[in-house]
Protein backbone atom coordinates (compact mmCIF):
# COMPACT_ATOMS: atom_id res chain seq x y z
CA UNK A 1 -28.00 37.83 3.46
CA UNK A 2 -27.92 34.53 1.60
CA UNK A 3 -31.12 32.58 1.42
CA UNK A 4 -31.54 28.82 1.45
CA UNK A 5 -33.15 27.36 -1.62
CA UNK A 6 -36.03 25.13 -0.43
CA UNK A 7 -35.81 23.11 -3.68
CA UNK A 8 -32.16 22.21 -3.06
CA UNK A 9 -31.57 18.61 -1.97
CA UNK A 10 -29.34 18.82 1.09
CA UNK A 11 -28.64 15.54 2.82
CA UNK A 12 -27.20 15.20 6.27
CA UNK A 13 -24.83 12.22 6.34
CA UNK A 14 -25.98 9.27 8.42
CA UNK A 15 -22.46 8.83 9.84
CA UNK A 16 -20.83 12.07 10.93
CA UNK A 17 -17.66 10.45 12.34
CA UNK A 18 -14.31 11.32 10.82
CA UNK A 19 -11.92 8.64 9.58
CA UNK A 20 -9.29 7.82 12.21
CA UNK A 21 -5.71 7.23 11.00
CA UNK A 22 -5.16 4.85 13.94
CA UNK A 23 -7.73 2.18 13.08
CA UNK A 24 -6.24 -0.11 10.44
CA UNK A 25 -4.74 -3.53 9.85
CA UNK A 26 -2.31 -4.20 7.01
CA UNK A 27 -1.46 -7.67 5.75
CA UNK A 28 1.10 -8.99 3.27
CA UNK A 29 0.47 -12.64 2.49
CA UNK A 30 4.14 -13.28 1.70
CA UNK A 31 5.48 -11.29 4.69
CA UNK A 32 3.43 -12.06 7.83
CA UNK A 33 6.13 -10.78 10.21
CA UNK A 34 5.99 -7.36 8.54
CA UNK A 35 2.21 -7.30 8.92
CA UNK A 36 2.37 -7.61 12.70
CA UNK A 37 4.74 -4.65 13.13
CA UNK A 38 3.21 -2.15 10.64
CA UNK A 39 3.20 1.41 11.95
CA UNK A 40 2.17 3.37 8.89
CA UNK A 41 0.78 2.67 5.43
CA UNK A 42 -0.56 4.97 2.73
CA UNK A 43 -3.49 4.65 0.38
CA UNK A 44 -1.65 5.38 -2.88
CA UNK A 45 -2.68 8.08 -5.29
CA UNK A 46 -4.82 7.30 -8.30
CA UNK A 47 -4.68 9.40 -11.45
CA UNK A 48 -5.96 9.38 -14.98
CA UNK A 49 -3.79 10.86 -17.72
CA UNK A 50 -5.62 13.40 -19.87
CA UNK A 51 -4.64 13.48 -23.53
CA UNK A 52 -4.89 16.86 -25.22
CA UNK A 53 -6.53 17.61 -28.56
CA UNK A 54 -5.47 20.88 -30.07
CA UNK A 55 -7.27 23.27 -32.35
CA UNK A 56 -6.13 26.72 -33.52
CA UNK A 57 -7.64 28.41 -30.46
CA UNK A 58 -7.43 26.02 -27.54
CA UNK A 59 -5.95 22.83 -26.14
CA UNK A 60 -8.85 20.61 -25.10
CA UNK A 61 -8.28 17.88 -22.50
CA UNK A 62 -10.16 14.58 -22.65
CA UNK A 63 -10.44 11.83 -20.07
CA UNK A 64 -7.73 9.24 -20.54
CA UNK A 65 -8.04 5.48 -20.67
CA UNK A 66 -5.27 4.26 -18.37
CA UNK A 67 -5.26 4.62 -14.61
CA UNK A 68 -1.94 5.20 -12.90
CA UNK A 69 -1.59 3.83 -9.38
CA UNK A 70 0.84 5.49 -6.97
CA UNK A 71 3.48 3.79 -4.87
CA UNK A 72 2.50 1.85 -1.75
CA UNK A 73 4.78 2.59 1.23
CA UNK A 74 4.68 0.51 4.40
CA UNK A 75 6.60 1.55 7.53
CA UNK A 76 7.17 -1.07 10.21
CA UNK A 77 9.15 -1.58 13.40
CA UNK A 78 12.05 -3.97 12.82
CA UNK A 79 12.02 -6.91 15.22
CA UNK A 80 15.28 -7.78 16.97
CA UNK A 81 15.50 -11.12 15.16
CA UNK A 82 15.37 -9.18 11.86
CA UNK A 83 12.66 -11.57 10.59
CA UNK A 84 10.38 -8.88 9.14
CA UNK A 85 13.23 -6.93 7.53
CA UNK A 86 14.61 -10.13 5.98
CA UNK A 87 11.20 -11.07 4.54
CA UNK A 88 11.36 -7.98 2.32
CA UNK A 89 15.15 -8.08 1.84
CA UNK A 90 15.11 -11.70 0.66
CA UNK A 91 12.13 -11.06 -1.61
CA UNK A 92 13.97 -8.14 -3.21
CA UNK A 93 17.16 -10.20 -3.51
CA UNK A 94 15.26 -12.96 -5.29
CA UNK A 95 13.76 -10.46 -7.73
CA UNK A 96 17.08 -8.73 -8.36
CA UNK A 97 19.14 -11.98 -8.50
CA UNK A 98 22.50 -10.32 -7.65
CA UNK A 99 24.45 -13.57 -7.46
CA UNK A 100 22.77 -16.27 -9.57
CA UNK A 101 19.71 -16.74 -11.74
CA UNK A 102 18.57 -19.49 -9.37
CA UNK A 103 17.62 -16.81 -6.80
CA UNK A 104 14.84 -15.67 -9.14
CA UNK A 105 14.03 -19.23 -10.23
CA UNK A 106 13.17 -20.14 -6.63
CA UNK A 107 10.64 -17.30 -6.44
CA UNK A 108 9.20 -18.19 -9.85
CA UNK A 109 8.86 -21.88 -8.93
CA UNK A 110 6.89 -20.97 -5.81
CA UNK A 111 4.57 -18.77 -7.92
CA UNK A 112 2.98 -21.94 -9.30
CA UNK A 113 1.29 -22.34 -5.92
CA UNK A 114 -0.06 -18.83 -5.23
CA UNK A 115 -2.19 -19.94 -2.28
CA UNK A 116 0.90 -20.46 -0.12
CA UNK A 117 1.96 -16.79 -0.25
CA UNK A 118 5.29 -17.54 -1.91
CA UNK A 119 6.43 -16.50 -5.33
CA UNK A 120 7.20 -13.34 -7.23
CA UNK A 121 3.98 -11.53 -6.33
CA UNK A 122 1.87 -11.30 -3.22
CA UNK A 123 -1.55 -9.88 -2.56
CA UNK A 124 -1.76 -7.30 0.21
CA UNK A 125 -4.71 -5.76 2.00
CA UNK A 126 -5.41 -2.72 4.11
CA UNK A 127 -8.44 -3.11 6.34
CA UNK A 128 -9.79 0.22 7.55
CA UNK A 129 -11.75 0.08 10.78
CA UNK A 130 -14.62 2.24 11.95
CA UNK A 131 -14.36 4.31 15.13
CA UNK A 132 -15.89 1.29 16.92
CA UNK A 133 -12.87 -0.77 15.67
CA UNK A 134 -15.06 -2.85 13.34
CA UNK A 135 -13.89 -3.65 9.77
CA UNK A 136 -15.34 -1.04 7.46
CA UNK A 137 -13.42 -1.11 4.15
CA UNK A 138 -10.82 -3.35 2.59
CA UNK A 139 -8.32 -2.11 0.04
CA UNK A 140 -6.90 -5.08 -1.85
CA UNK A 141 -3.59 -4.65 -3.66
CA UNK A 142 -3.30 -7.20 -6.45
CA UNK A 143 0.02 -8.83 -7.43
CA UNK A 144 2.31 -6.64 -5.36
CA UNK A 145 6.07 -6.83 -5.17
CA UNK A 146 8.69 -4.76 -3.35
CA UNK A 147 10.74 -2.17 -5.21
CA UNK A 148 12.87 -1.03 -2.28
CA UNK A 149 13.47 -1.00 1.44
CA UNK A 150 14.89 1.89 3.41
CA UNK A 151 18.20 1.95 5.15
CA UNK A 152 18.50 1.21 8.85
CA UNK A 153 20.49 3.57 11.04
CA UNK A 154 22.15 2.72 14.32
CA UNK A 155 23.13 5.60 16.57
CA UNK A 156 24.89 5.25 19.93
CA UNK A 157 24.47 9.01 20.57
CA UNK A 158 20.74 8.67 21.25
CA UNK A 159 19.75 9.38 24.86
CA UNK A 160 16.52 7.35 24.62
CA UNK A 161 15.82 4.10 22.83
CA UNK A 162 14.14 4.91 19.53
CA UNK A 163 13.34 1.53 18.06
CA UNK A 164 14.28 1.01 14.45
CA UNK A 165 11.76 1.57 11.66
CA UNK A 166 12.08 0.53 8.03
CA UNK A 167 9.95 1.50 5.05
CA UNK A 168 9.27 -0.88 2.17
CA UNK A 169 7.97 0.42 -1.16
CA UNK A 170 5.74 -1.68 -3.39
CA UNK A 171 4.35 -1.69 -6.90
CA UNK A 172 1.22 -3.68 -7.78
CA UNK A 173 -1.13 -4.23 -10.70
CA UNK A 174 -4.08 -2.37 -9.19
CA UNK A 175 -6.04 -1.86 -6.02
CA UNK A 176 -9.74 -2.29 -5.31
CA UNK A 177 -11.79 -0.82 -2.47
CA UNK A 178 -14.64 -2.88 -1.03
CA UNK A 179 -17.16 -1.98 1.66
CA UNK A 180 -17.03 -4.82 4.20
CA UNK A 181 -19.11 -3.27 6.99
């Protein structure tokens, strides 16, 4: 029978509630119509590369110096006016400039006024709520931009109406987590 060490510091957490995946708000400054219809968003992975030093006997890992942030994916319901889908589509088109360089120039010109939400980059935030639906944490994504948007499928063989979802993928400089409770 295992015994409990009386000298061991065991702490019972003050809050024993589990994190609910339902209690969140996601905002994209440049794409407010997307924000309203968000269904799913991920907190991206975070990793630290570990360089290896070798010796004749063993490879020894060391902590790296550069964090690598994973991809941010946002799934949203597409509104019937296509406004939210077009917010991401037009942003991507401006970045990719498939027709003229002026498509990118328009985004770049708007970047000079970052407070208006226009431009090449946009800040994004994920606000995680407590079980009492009060803001608890904010994850701020700095200088984000879209790298892709999923296809949209129409299917007349469906027996029920399954409203259309789209997923946009984003890259960003970094993210920060702040306790806002």
